[in-house]
Amino acid sequence: MNLPPKESISVPHHSLHIFVAQAAQSVGLPADKAELLAELLTNNDLRGVFSHGTTQIATYARLMRDGVLNSRPAVSVVRETPVSLLVDGDGGLGYFPAYAGTLALIEKVKSQGIGVLLTRNHGHFGAAGIYSRLTLPHDLLAFVTSGHQLDLQPGQPIFAAAGGSPMSFSAPAGEEESLLLDFGAIHDLYASSPHRDEIARLAPGTVFRSIGMGAICQSWGGFLAGVPLDPGRAQRTFSGANQGALVMAFRIDLFQSVDAFKREMDDYVRAVRRLSPLEGFDESFLPGGVEAARERRYRAEGVPVGVEHRKRLETLAEELHIQAPW
């Protein structure tokens, strides 16, 4: 879970944006792509999705600087039908084919009713919720996932089968905050989790469901995008371009009126707010509600940047000979 850091300083979001764009351009990313990356990472921070926010530029900048990812990718449409797109990321970060591809997909879905985007040959595409959120203003329902290169070896724990397991689903509301579910199915079951074995003993069904969702991520977002199960069969110009992604969307009005659907969603959001929250939490929200509340607060007060976040950006600033954003 992305919880606000216990110790933090407040940093204006535009300062973080400027830093990310400057860092990205200093390792060769063109200005337009650097600005887009800065916008997407800063928006994640504003929503409290710190794991996929501006802290990630410390990793991305080094991967581009060191040639693991292409710093000047030429994103291209490889195959297209009235309801589908296959977009190649040319060995760069996954944000660029996934973002441009999703915008193009939205136009297809508005016309055709349903559509699917597959992206290939790229690195990390960030939080899956970035792309499902893009569909919300257009009265669409969406599903997003991604798969990456596995390296499964005999004797590894079964948890390894799930990979990174990112997924996002979205559904627009009317007057209330829209539903935006954005999660990693296996995140509580990584080897670093102190409670993994306990969870497996107490709730094996939960573990198997998580692994099952991870298998969908790998097969739909990875294998379909040409990421092989065996890393020895991978053929890549840029070694970090080991991921693919899938975005599916369809129009609400294929099945009922948009207004009626949004009224039900509004009623749903309000009803959930009146439910008793989990122990240790103050309020009840549907997915996306907490993030929307944080965004309003952080835009006004600044993004809370924790100790490790600061260290990562300060170290990167030293390496690139640029100023930290505080």
C-alpha atoms as a PDB file:
ATOM      1  CA  MET A   1       0.000   0.000   0.000  1.00  0.00           C
ATOM      2  CA  ASN A   2       1.147   3.528  -0.762  1.00  0.00           C
ATOM      3  CA  LEU A   3       0.925   5.234   2.619  1.00  0.00           C
ATOM      4  CA  PRO A   4       2.110   8.814   3.176  1.00  0.00           C
ATOM      5  CA  PRO A   5       5.648   8.815   4.630  1.00  0.00           C
ATOM      6  CA  LYS A   6       5.910   9.225   8.404  1.00  0.00           C
ATOM      7  CA  GLU A   7       8.735  11.743   8.028  1.00  0.00           C
ATOM      8  CA  SER A   8       8.561  14.090   5.073  1.00  0.00           C
ATOM      9  CA  ILE A   9       9.009  17.556   3.675  1.00  0.00           C
ATOM     10  CA  SER A  10       6.379  19.231   1.489  1.00  0.00           C
ATOM     11  CA  VAL A  11       7.565  19.947  -2.038  1.00  0.00           C
ATOM     12  CA  PRO A  12       5.467  21.836  -4.614  1.00  0.00           C
ATOM     13  CA  HIS A  13       4.458  19.479  -7.378  1.00  0.00           C
ATOM     14  CA  HIS A  14       5.743  21.837 -10.080  1.00  0.00           C
ATOM     15  CA  SER A  15       9.240  21.657  -8.520  1.00  0.00           C
ATOM     16  CA  LEU A  16       9.173  17.865  -8.799  1.00  0.00           C
ATOM     17  CA  HIS A  17       7.952  18.154 -12.389  1.00  0.00           C
ATOM     18  CA  ILE A  18      10.815  20.475 -13.334  1.00  0.00           C
ATOM     19  CA  PHE A  19      13.380  18.167 -11.711  1.00  0.00           C
ATOM     20  CA  VAL A  20      12.136  15.039 -13.503  1.00  0.00           C
ATOM     21  CA  ALA A  21      12.047  16.791 -16.874  1.00  0.00           C
ATOM     22  CA  GLN A  22      15.545  18.182 -16.370  1.00  0.00           C
ATOM     23  CA  ALA A  23      16.947  14.817 -15.245  1.00  0.00           C
ATOM     24  CA  ALA A  24      15.360  13.021 -18.185  1.00  0.00           C
ATOM     25  CA  GLN A  25      16.662  15.529 -20.725  1.00  0.00           C
ATOM     26  CA  SER A  26      20.151  15.403 -19.216  1.00  0.00           C
ATOM     27  CA  VAL A  27      20.406  11.710 -20.175  1.00  0.00           C
ATOM     28  CA  GLY A  28      19.170  12.286 -23.714  1.00  0.00           C
ATOM     29  CA  LEU A  29      15.375  12.060 -23.595  1.00  0.00           C
ATOM     30  CA  PRO A  30      13.818  14.612 -25.988  1.00  0.00           C
ATOM     31  CA  ALA A  31      12.051  17.547 -24.340  1.00  0.00           C
ATOM     32  CA  ASP A  32       8.512  16.520 -25.297  1.00  0.00           C
ATOM     33  CA  LYS A  33       8.943  13.023 -23.877  1.00  0.00           C
ATOM     34  CA  ALA A  34      10.725  14.366 -20.792  1.00  0.00           C
ATOM     35  CA  GLU A  35       7.789  16.702 -20.113  1.00  0.00           C
ATOM     36  CA  LEU A  36       5.279  13.866 -20.509  1.00  0.00           C
ATOM     37  CA  LEU A  37       7.264  11.607 -18.183  1.00  0.00           C
ATOM     38  CA  ALA A  38       7.503  14.418 -15.626  1.00  0.00           C
ATOM     39  CA  GLU A  39       3.761  15.012 -15.808  1.00  0.00           C
ATOM     40  CA  LEU A  40       2.888  11.340 -15.332  1.00  0.00           C
ATOM     41  CA  LEU A  41       5.310  10.745 -12.456  1.00  0.00           C
ATOM     42  CA  THR A  42       4.323  13.951 -10.671  1.00  0.00           C
ATOM     43  CA  ASN A  43       0.639  13.132 -11.051  1.00  0.00           C
ATOM     44  CA  ASN A  44       1.277   9.792  -9.361  1.00  0.00           C
ATOM     45  CA  ASP A  45       2.911  11.586  -6.440  1.00  0.00           C
ATOM     46  CA  LEU A  46      -0.060  13.948  -6.237  1.00  0.00           C
ATOM     47  CA  ARG A  47      -2.378  10.949  -5.934  1.00  0.00           C
ATOM     48  CA  GLY A  48      -0.169   9.367  -3.287  1.00  0.00           C
ATOM     49  CA  VAL A  49       1.054   6.576  -5.597  1.00  0.00           C
ATOM     50  CA  PHE A  50       4.592   7.252  -4.402  1.00  0.00           C
ATOM     51  CA  SER A  51       5.980   3.873  -5.499  1.00  0.00           C
ATOM     52  CA  HIS A  52       5.376   4.889  -9.128  1.00  0.00           C
ATOM     53  CA  GLY A  53       5.969   8.610  -8.781  1.00  0.00           C
ATOM     54  CA  THR A  54       8.992  10.859  -9.131  1.00  0.00           C
ATOM     55  CA  THR A  55      11.228   8.506  -7.136  1.00  0.00           C
ATOM     56  CA  GLN A  56      11.275   6.328 -10.266  1.00  0.00           C
ATOM     57  CA  ILE A  57      13.276   8.882 -12.250  1.00  0.00           C
ATOM     58  CA  ALA A  58      16.340   7.771 -10.276  1.00  0.00           C
ATOM     59  CA  THR A  59      16.028   4.354 -11.934  1.00  0.00           C
ATOM     60  CA  TYR A  60      14.861   5.512 -15.354  1.00  0.00           C
ATOM     61  CA  ALA A  61      17.578   8.132 -15.813  1.00  0.00           C
ATOM     62  CA  ARG A  62      20.345   5.627 -15.107  1.00  0.00           C
ATOM     63  CA  LEU A  63      18.835   3.020 -17.421  1.00  0.00           C
ATOM     64  CA  MET A  64      18.732   5.563 -20.250  1.00  0.00           C
ATOM     65  CA  ARG A  65      22.147   7.025 -19.445  1.00  0.00           C
ATOM     66  CA  ASP A  66      23.743   3.566 -19.435  1.00  0.00           C
ATOM     67  CA  GLY A  67      22.075   2.412 -22.655  1.00  0.00           C
ATOM     68  CA  VAL A  68      19.914  -0.259 -21.025  1.00  0.00           C
ATOM     69  CA  LEU A  69      16.900   1.616 -22.448  1.00  0.00           C
ATOM     70  CA  ASN A  70      16.727   3.775 -25.553  1.00  0.00           C
ATOM     71  CA  SER A  71      16.737   7.458 -24.593  1.00  0.00           C
ATOM     72  CA  ARG A  72      15.458   8.529 -28.030  1.00  0.00           C
ATOM     73  CA  PRO A  73      12.783   5.971 -28.931  1.00  0.00           C
ATOM     74  CA  ALA A  74      10.765   6.297 -32.130  1.00  0.00           C
ATOM     75  CA  VAL A  75       7.379   4.872 -31.106  1.00  0.00           C
ATOM     76  CA  SER A  76       5.510   3.365 -34.064  1.00  0.00           C
ATOM     77  CA  VAL A  77       2.253   1.620 -34.914  1.00  0.00           C
ATOM     78  CA  VAL A  78       3.141  -1.839 -36.215  1.00  0.00           C
ATOM     79  CA  ARG A  79      -0.321  -3.218 -36.918  1.00  0.00           C
ATOM     80  CA  GLU A  80      -3.791  -1.696 -36.825  1.00  0.00           C
ATOM     81  CA  THR A  81      -7.413  -2.681 -37.402  1.00  0.00           C
ATOM     82  CA  PRO A  82     -10.605  -0.727 -36.702  1.00  0.00           C
ATOM     83  CA  VAL A  83     -10.625  -2.161 -33.149  1.00  0.00           C
ATOM     84  CA  SER A  84      -6.949  -2.853 -32.368  1.00  0.00           C
ATOM     85  CA  LEU A  85      -3.474  -1.345 -32.220  1.00  0.00           C
ATOM     86  CA  LEU A  86      -0.032  -2.905 -31.877  1.00  0.00           C
ATOM     87  CA  VAL A  87       2.521  -0.256 -30.883  1.00  0.00           C
ATOM     88  CA  ASP A  88       6.295  -0.756 -30.703  1.00  0.00           C
ATOM     89  CA  GLY A  89       8.242   1.174 -28.056  1.00  0.00           C
ATOM     90  CA  ASP A  90      11.633   1.001 -29.826  1.00  0.00           C
ATOM     91  CA  GLY A  91      13.451  -0.044 -26.669  1.00  0.00           C
ATOM     92  CA  GLY A  92      12.485   2.983 -24.585  1.00  0.00           C
ATOM     93  CA  LEU A  93      10.371   3.451 -21.486  1.00  0.00           C
ATOM     94  CA  GLY A  94       6.891   1.953 -21.719  1.00  0.00           C
ATOM     95  CA  TYR A  95       5.158   5.239 -20.883  1.00  0.00           C
ATOM     96  CA  PHE A  96       5.503   6.527 -24.429  1.00  0.00           C
ATOM     97  CA  PRO A  97       3.904   3.688 -26.439  1.00  0.00           C
ATOM     98  CA  ALA A  98       1.314   3.037 -23.726  1.00  0.00           C
ATOM     99  CA  TYR A  99       0.254   6.688 -23.389  1.00  0.00           C
ATOM    100  CA  ALA A 100       0.140   7.485 -27.114  1.00  0.00           C
ATOM    101  CA  GLY A 101      -1.440   4.104 -27.805  1.00  0.00           C
ATOM    102  CA  THR A 102      -4.157   4.615 -25.209  1.00  0.00           C
ATOM    103  CA  LEU A 103      -5.078   8.008 -26.655  1.00  0.00           C
ATOM    104  CA  ALA A 104      -5.343   6.443 -30.107  1.00  0.00           C
ATOM    105  CA  LEU A 105      -7.317   3.519 -28.684  1.00  0.00           C
ATOM    106  CA  ILE A 106      -9.842   5.872 -27.078  1.00  0.00           C
ATOM    107  CA  GLU A 107     -10.651   7.349 -30.476  1.00  0.00           C
ATOM    108  CA  LYS A 108     -11.176   3.875 -31.929  1.00  0.00           C
ATOM    109  CA  VAL A 109     -13.458   2.868 -29.048  1.00  0.00           C
ATOM    110  CA  LYS A 110     -15.521   6.029 -29.342  1.00  0.00           C
ATOM    111  CA  SER A 111     -16.136   5.068 -32.956  1.00  0.00           C
ATOM    112  CA  GLN A 112     -16.274   1.267 -32.831  1.00  0.00           C
ATOM    113  CA  GLY A 113     -17.549   0.660 -29.290  1.00  0.00           C
ATOM    114  CA  ILE A 114     -14.711  -1.597 -28.155  1.00  0.00           C
ATOM    115  CA  GLY A 115     -10.977  -1.868 -28.739  1.00  0.00           C
ATOM    116  CA  VAL A 116      -7.676  -3.291 -27.535  1.00  0.00           C
ATOM    117  CA  LEU A 117      -4.124  -1.953 -27.499  1.00  0.00           C
ATOM    118  CA  LEU A 118      -0.979  -4.056 -27.188  1.00  0.00           C
ATOM    119  CA  THR A 119       2.444  -2.471 -26.703  1.00  0.00           C
ATOM    120  CA  ARG A 120       5.784  -4.253 -27.046  1.00  0.00           C
ATOM    121  CA  ASN A 121       9.547  -3.787 -26.916  1.00  0.00           C
ATOM    122  CA  HIS A 122       9.798  -1.341 -24.033  1.00  0.00           C
ATOM    123  CA  GLY A 123      10.701  -0.983 -20.377  1.00  0.00           C
ATOM    124  CA  HIS A 124       8.548  -0.143 -17.362  1.00  0.00           C
ATOM    125  CA  PHE A 125       5.256   1.580 -18.195  1.00  0.00           C
ATOM    126  CA  GLY A 126       4.611   2.850 -14.678  1.00  0.00           C
ATOM    127  CA  ALA A 127       1.345   2.584 -12.801  1.00  0.00           C
ATOM    128  CA  ALA A 128      -1.339   0.774 -14.792  1.00  0.00           C
ATOM    129  CA  GLY A 129      -3.854   3.298 -13.460  1.00  0.00           C
ATOM    130  CA  ILE A 130      -2.343   6.039 -15.630  1.00  0.00           C
ATOM    131  CA  TYR A 131      -3.922   4.464 -18.689  1.00  0.00           C
ATOM    132  CA  SER A 132      -7.255   3.307 -17.275  1.00  0.00           C
ATOM    133  CA  ARG A 133      -7.686   6.820 -15.882  1.00  0.00           C
ATOM    134  CA  LEU A 134      -7.318   8.301 -19.366  1.00  0.00           C
ATOM    135  CA  THR A 135     -10.511   6.561 -20.443  1.00  0.00           C
ATOM    136  CA  LEU A 136     -12.721   7.984 -17.680  1.00  0.00           C
ATOM    137  CA  PRO A 137     -13.656  11.339 -19.314  1.00  0.00           C
ATOM    138  CA  HIS A 138     -14.832   9.449 -22.392  1.00  0.00           C
ATOM    139  CA  ASP A 139     -17.474   7.284 -20.649  1.00  0.00           C
ATOM    140  CA  LEU A 140     -15.503   4.076 -21.160  1.00  0.00           C
ATOM    141  CA  LEU A 141     -14.775   1.084 -18.984  1.00  0.00           C
ATOM    142  CA  ALA A 142     -11.166  -0.137 -19.107  1.00  0.00           C
ATOM    143  CA  PHE A 143      -8.757  -2.895 -18.098  1.00  0.00           C
ATOM    144  CA  VAL A 144      -4.958  -2.519 -18.157  1.00  0.00           C
ATOM    145  CA  THR A 145      -2.152  -4.975 -17.458  1.00  0.00           C
ATOM    146  CA  SER A 146       1.515  -5.557 -18.216  1.00  0.00           C
ATOM    147  CA  GLY A 147       3.932  -8.479 -18.298  1.00  0.00           C
ATOM    148  CA  HIS A 148       7.717  -8.591 -18.066  1.00  0.00           C
ATOM    149  CA  GLN A 149      10.546 -11.036 -18.583  1.00  0.00           C
ATOM    150  CA  LEU A 150      10.400 -13.957 -16.173  1.00  0.00           C
ATOM    151  CA  ASP A 151      13.291 -16.273 -15.366  1.00  0.00           C
ATOM    152  CA  LEU A 152      11.633 -19.220 -13.659  1.00  0.00           C
ATOM    153  CA  GLN A 153      13.982 -21.859 -12.276  1.00  0.00           C
ATOM    154  CA  PRO A 154      13.157 -25.299 -10.800  1.00  0.00           C
ATOM    155  CA  GLY A 155      12.742 -25.131  -7.052  1.00  0.00           C
ATOM    156  CA  GLN A 156      11.775 -21.464  -6.868  1.00  0.00           C
ATOM    157  CA  PRO A 157       8.710 -20.709  -4.720  1.00  0.00           C
ATOM    158  CA  ILE A 158       5.391 -20.724  -6.603  1.00  0.00           C
ATOM    159  CA  PHE A 159       5.065 -16.985  -5.924  1.00  0.00           C
ATOM    160  CA  ALA A 160       7.597 -16.369  -8.723  1.00  0.00           C
ATOM    161  CA  ALA A 161       5.011 -17.461 -11.310  1.00  0.00           C
ATOM    162  CA  ALA A 162       3.088 -14.214 -10.823  1.00  0.00           C
ATOM    163  CA  GLY A 163       5.841 -11.823 -11.907  1.00  0.00           C
ATOM    164  CA  GLY A 164       5.097  -8.170 -11.161  1.00  0.00           C
ATOM    165  CA  SER A 165       1.324  -8.522 -11.697  1.00  0.00           C
ATOM    166  CA  PRO A 166       0.118  -4.937 -12.332  1.00  0.00           C
ATOM    167  CA  MET A 167      -3.577  -4.466 -13.083  1.00  0.00           C
ATOM    168  CA  SER A 168      -5.991  -1.579 -13.268  1.00  0.00           C
ATOM    169  CA  PHE A 169      -9.738  -1.301 -13.869  1.00  0.00           C
ATOM    170  CA  SER A 170     -11.801   1.872 -14.141  1.00  0.00           C
ATOM    171  CA  ALA A 171     -15.448   2.953 -14.220  1.00  0.00           C
ATOM    172  CA  PRO A 172     -16.645   6.571 -14.406  1.00  0.00           C
ATOM    173  CA  ALA A 173     -19.003   8.092 -11.876  1.00  0.00           C
ATOM    174  CA  GLY A 174     -21.051  11.265 -12.303  1.00  0.00           C
ATOM    175  CA  GLU A 175     -20.837  13.674  -9.374  1.00  0.00           C
ATOM    176  CA  GLU A 176     -18.669  11.423  -7.179  1.00  0.00           C
ATOM    177  CA  GLU A 177     -15.114  10.204  -7.637  1.00  0.00           C
ATOM    178  CA  SER A 178     -14.757   7.581 -10.342  1.00  0.00           C
ATOM    179  CA  LEU A 179     -13.747   4.023  -9.558  1.00  0.00           C
ATOM    180  CA  LEU A 180     -10.045   3.496 -10.277  1.00  0.00           C
ATOM    181  CA  LEU A 181      -8.588   0.203  -9.097  1.00  0.00           C
ATOM    182  CA  ASP A 182      -4.806   0.101  -9.548  1.00  0.00           C
ATOM    183  CA  PHE A 183      -2.812  -2.660  -7.864  1.00  0.00           C
ATOM    184  CA  GLY A 184      -0.180  -5.362  -8.052  1.00  0.00           C
ATOM    185  CA  ALA A 185      -1.781  -8.735  -7.421  1.00  0.00           C
ATOM    186  CA  ILE A 186       1.349 -10.198  -5.851  1.00  0.00           C
ATOM    187  CA  HIS A 187       2.749  -7.185  -3.990  1.00  0.00           C
ATOM    188  CA  ASP A 188       2.017  -8.540  -0.514  1.00  0.00           C
ATOM    189  CA  LEU A 189       3.682 -11.826  -1.476  1.00  0.00           C
ATOM    190  CA  TYR A 190       7.119 -10.688  -2.643  1.00  0.00           C
ATOM    191  CA  ALA A 191      10.123 -12.332  -0.980  1.00  0.00           C
ATOM    192  CA  SER A 192      10.697  -9.047   0.885  1.00  0.00           C
ATOM    193  CA  SER A 193       7.263  -9.181   2.535  1.00  0.00           C
ATOM    194  CA  PRO A 194       7.642 -10.025   6.244  1.00  0.00           C
ATOM    195  CA  HIS A 195       4.194 -11.645   6.296  1.00  0.00           C
ATOM    196  CA  ARG A 196       4.304 -13.703   3.083  1.00  0.00           C
ATOM    197  CA  ASP A 197       4.554 -17.127   4.703  1.00  0.00           C
ATOM    198  CA  GLU A 198       1.951 -16.234   7.312  1.00  0.00           C
ATOM    199  CA  ILE A 199      -0.478 -15.075   4.618  1.00  0.00           C
ATOM    200  CA  ALA A 200       0.107 -18.302   2.684  1.00  0.00           C
ATOM    201  CA  ARG A 201      -0.671 -20.405   5.760  1.00  0.00           C
ATOM    202  CA  LEU A 202      -3.769 -18.461   6.784  1.00  0.00           C
ATOM    203  CA  ALA A 203      -5.232 -17.754   3.347  1.00  0.00           C
ATOM    204  CA  PRO A 204      -3.867 -20.063   0.620  1.00  0.00           C
ATOM    205  CA  GLY A 205      -6.895 -19.280  -1.542  1.00  0.00           C
ATOM    206  CA  THR A 206      -5.910 -15.622  -1.544  1.00  0.00           C
ATOM    207  CA  VAL A 207      -2.391 -16.576  -2.612  1.00  0.00           C
ATOM    208  CA  PHE A 208      -3.631 -18.755  -5.466  1.00  0.00           C
ATOM    209  CA  ARG A 209      -5.936 -15.981  -6.678  1.00  0.00           C
ATOM    210  CA  SER A 210      -3.007 -13.544  -6.624  1.00  0.00           C
ATOM    211  CA  ILE A 211      -0.836 -15.941  -8.611  1.00  0.00           C
ATOM    212  CA  GLY A 212      -3.719 -16.518 -11.013  1.00  0.00           C
ATOM    213  CA  MET A 213      -4.078 -12.799 -11.643  1.00  0.00           C
ATOM    214  CA  GLY A 214      -0.319 -12.595 -12.136  1.00  0.00           C
ATOM    215  CA  ALA A 215      -0.575 -15.351 -14.742  1.00  0.00           C
ATOM    216  CA  ILE A 216      -3.060 -13.201 -16.665  1.00  0.00           C
ATOM    217  CA  CYS A 217      -0.646 -10.266 -16.507  1.00  0.00           C
ATOM    218  CA  GLN A 218       2.171 -12.408 -17.886  1.00  0.00           C
ATOM    219  CA  SER A 219       0.162 -14.123 -20.609  1.00  0.00           C
ATOM    220  CA  TRP A 220      -1.919 -11.166 -21.823  1.00  0.00           C
ATOM    221  CA  GLY A 221       0.614  -8.393 -21.212  1.00  0.00           C
ATOM    222  CA  GLY A 222       3.846 -10.348 -21.692  1.00  0.00           C
ATOM    223  CA  PHE A 223       3.650 -13.409 -23.953  1.00  0.00           C
ATOM    224  CA  LEU A 224       1.154 -11.745 -26.286  1.00  0.00           C
ATOM    225  CA  ALA A 225       3.606  -8.853 -26.634  1.00  0.00           C
ATOM    226  CA  GLY A 226       6.453 -11.179 -27.607  1.00  0.00           C
ATOM    227  CA  VAL A 227       8.144 -11.458 -24.203  1.00  0.00           C
ATOM    228  CA  PRO A 228       9.156 -15.159 -24.097  1.00  0.00           C
ATOM    229  CA  LEU A 229       9.004 -17.330 -21.000  1.00  0.00           C
ATOM    230  CA  ASP A 230      12.651 -18.320 -21.482  1.00  0.00           C
ATOM    231  CA  PRO A 231      14.946 -15.266 -21.339  1.00  0.00           C
ATOM    232  CA  GLY A 232      17.398 -17.188 -23.500  1.00  0.00           C
ATOM    233  CA  ARG A 233      15.011 -16.839 -26.443  1.00  0.00           C
ATOM    234  CA  ALA A 234      14.672 -13.063 -26.070  1.00  0.00           C
ATOM    235  CA  GLN A 235      16.104 -10.942 -28.870  1.00  0.00           C
ATOM    236  CA  ARG A 236      16.462  -7.316 -27.807  1.00  0.00           C
ATOM    237  CA  THR A 237      18.490  -4.364 -28.985  1.00  0.00           C
ATOM    238  CA  PHE A 238      18.043  -2.733 -25.564  1.00  0.00           C
ATOM    239  CA  SER A 239      18.240  -5.227 -22.706  1.00  0.00           C
ATOM    240  CA  GLY A 240      15.849  -3.239 -20.524  1.00  0.00           C
ATOM    241  CA  ALA A 241      13.073  -3.404 -23.116  1.00  0.00           C
ATOM    242  CA  ASN A 242      11.696  -6.566 -21.557  1.00  0.00           C
ATOM    243  CA  GLN A 243       8.029  -5.695 -21.089  1.00  0.00           C
ATOM    244  CA  GLY A 244       4.722  -5.410 -22.889  1.00  0.00           C
ATOM    245  CA  ALA A 245       1.321  -4.011 -21.958  1.00  0.00           C
ATOM    246  CA  LEU A 246      -2.345  -4.441 -22.786  1.00  0.00           C
ATOM    247  CA  VAL A 247      -5.203  -1.912 -22.622  1.00  0.00           C
ATOM    248  CA  MET A 248      -8.818  -2.888 -23.314  1.00  0.00           C
ATOM    249  CA  ALA A 249     -11.750  -0.468 -23.296  1.00  0.00           C
ATOM    250  CA  PHE A 250     -15.398  -0.385 -24.280  1.00  0.00           C
ATOM    251  CA  ARG A 251     -18.278   2.072 -24.296  1.00  0.00           C
ATOM    252  CA  ILE A 252     -20.871   2.008 -21.542  1.00  0.00           C
ATOM    253  CA  ASP A 253     -23.649   2.884 -23.973  1.00  0.00           C
ATOM    254  CA  LEU A 254     -23.279  -0.457 -25.735  1.00  0.00           C
ATOM    255  CA  PHE A 255     -25.363  -1.791 -22.871  1.00  0.00           C
ATOM    256  CA  GLN A 256     -27.203   1.050 -21.121  1.00  0.00           C
ATOM    257  CA  SER A 257     -27.371   4.816 -20.944  1.00  0.00           C
ATOM    258  CA  VAL A 258     -24.273   6.529 -19.616  1.00  0.00           C
ATOM    259  CA  ASP A 259     -26.330   8.742 -17.287  1.00  0.00           C
ATOM    260  CA  ALA A 260     -28.060   5.757 -15.697  1.00  0.00           C
ATOM    261  CA  PHE A 261     -24.746   3.977 -15.162  1.00  0.00           C
ATOM    262  CA  LYS A 262     -23.151   7.048 -13.592  1.00  0.00           C
ATOM    263  CA  ARG A 263     -26.119   7.530 -11.254  1.00  0.00           C
ATOM    264  CA  GLU A 264     -25.652   3.981  -9.996  1.00  0.00           C
ATOM    265  CA  MET A 265     -21.942   4.610  -9.537  1.00  0.00           C
ATOM    266  CA  ASP A 266     -22.654   7.787  -7.564  1.00  0.00           C
ATOM    267  CA  ASP A 267     -25.078   5.914  -5.315  1.00  0.00           C
ATOM    268  CA  TYR A 268     -22.505   3.159  -4.883  1.00  0.00           C
ATOM    269  CA  VAL A 269     -19.724   5.561  -3.859  1.00  0.00           C
ATOM    270  CA  ARG A 270     -22.021   7.285  -1.326  1.00  0.00           C
ATOM    271  CA  ALA A 271     -23.228   3.989   0.128  1.00  0.00           C
ATOM    272  CA  VAL A 272     -19.674   2.740   0.599  1.00  0.00           C
ATOM    273  CA  ARG A 273     -18.724   5.918   2.452  1.00  0.00           C
ATOM    274  CA  ARG A 274     -21.367   5.033   5.065  1.00  0.00           C
ATOM    275  CA  LEU A 275     -19.854   1.585   5.698  1.00  0.00           C
ATOM    276  CA  SER A 276     -17.595   0.877   8.669  1.00  0.00           C
ATOM    277  CA  PRO A 277     -13.929   1.070   7.643  1.00  0.00           C
ATOM    278  CA  LEU A 278     -11.296  -1.594   8.205  1.00  0.00           C
ATOM    279  CA  GLU A 279      -9.609  -1.607  11.569  1.00  0.00           C
ATOM    280  CA  GLY A 280      -6.905   1.051  11.633  1.00  0.00           C
ATOM    281  CA  PHE A 281      -8.564   3.224   8.984  1.00  0.00           C
ATOM    282  CA  ASP A 282     -10.719   6.291   9.447  1.00  0.00           C
ATOM    283  CA  GLU A 283     -12.944   6.199   6.364  1.00  0.00           C
ATOM    284  CA  SER A 284     -14.418   3.849   3.786  1.00  0.00           C
ATOM    285  CA  PHE A 285     -13.741   4.492   0.102  1.00  0.00           C
ATOM    286  CA  LEU A 286     -14.031   2.685  -3.184  1.00  0.00           C
ATOM    287  CA  PRO A 287     -10.704   2.404  -5.050  1.00  0.00           C
ATOM    288  CA  GLY A 288      -9.718   5.823  -6.338  1.00  0.00           C
ATOM    289  CA  GLY A 289     -11.432   7.799  -3.596  1.00  0.00           C
ATOM    290  CA  VAL A 290      -8.418   8.044  -1.312  1.00  0.00           C
ATOM    291  CA  GLU A 291      -6.169   9.037  -4.205  1.00  0.00           C
ATOM    292  CA  ALA A 292      -8.554  11.773  -5.344  1.00  0.00           C
ATOM    293  CA  ALA A 293      -8.667  13.223  -1.810  1.00  0.00           C
ATOM    294  CA  ARG A 294      -4.884  13.182  -1.576  1.00  0.00           C
ATOM    295  CA  GLU A 295      -4.531  14.913  -4.918  1.00  0.00           C
ATOM    296  CA  ARG A 296      -6.692  17.827  -3.800  1.00  0.00           C
ATOM    297  CA  ARG A 297      -4.663  18.181  -0.619  1.00  0.00           C
ATOM    298  CA  TYR A 298      -1.207  17.762  -2.161  1.00  0.00           C
ATOM    299  CA  ARG A 299      -1.885  20.241  -4.951  1.00  0.00           C
ATOM    300  CA  ALA A 300      -2.586  22.849  -2.308  1.00  0.00           C
ATOM    301  CA  GLU A 301      -0.057  21.857   0.363  1.00  0.00           C
ATOM    302  CA  GLY A 302       2.755  20.189  -1.594  1.00  0.00           C
ATOM    303  CA  VAL A 303       3.733  16.561  -2.058  1.00  0.00           C
ATOM    304  CA  PRO A 304       5.051  14.830   1.083  1.00  0.00           C
ATOM    305  CA  VAL A 305       8.506  13.580   0.107  1.00  0.00           C
ATOM    306  CA  GLY A 306       9.897  10.989   2.488  1.00  0.00           C
ATOM    307  CA  VAL A 307      13.477  10.350   3.558  1.00  0.00           C
ATOM    308  CA  GLU A 308      14.281   7.577   1.068  1.00  0.00           C
ATOM    309  CA  HIS A 309      12.589   9.513  -1.743  1.00  0.00           C
ATOM    310  CA  ARG A 310      14.775  12.536  -0.982  1.00  0.00           C
ATOM    311  CA  LYS A 311      17.946  10.438  -0.863  1.00  0.00           C
ATOM    312  CA  ARG A 312      17.208   8.901  -4.256  1.00  0.00           C
ATOM    313  CA  LEU A 313      16.612  12.242  -5.931  1.00  0.00           C
ATOM    314  CA  GLU A 314      19.562  13.945  -4.220  1.00  0.00           C
ATOM    315  CA  THR A 315      21.921  11.149  -5.265  1.00  0.00           C
ATOM    316  CA  LEU A 316      20.657  11.378  -8.839  1.00  0.00           C
ATOM    317  CA  ALA A 317      21.037  15.158  -8.804  1.00  0.00           C
ATOM    318  CA  GLU A 318      24.686  14.761  -7.787  1.00  0.00           C
ATOM    319  CA  GLU A 319      25.345  12.233 -10.533  1.00  0.00           C
ATOM    320  CA  LEU A 320      23.727  14.376 -13.218  1.00  0.00           C
ATOM    321  CA  HIS A 321      25.065  17.707 -11.883  1.00  0.00           C
ATOM    322  CA  ILE A 322      21.624  19.259 -11.504  1.00  0.00           C
ATOM    323  CA  GLN A 323      19.798  20.827  -8.565  1.00  0.00           C
ATOM    324  CA  ALA A 324      17.552  18.782  -6.287  1.00  0.00           C
ATOM    325  CA  PRO A 325      13.950  20.066  -6.228  1.00  0.00           C
ATOM    326  CA  TRP A 326      14.170  21.604  -2.723  1.00  0.00           C
END
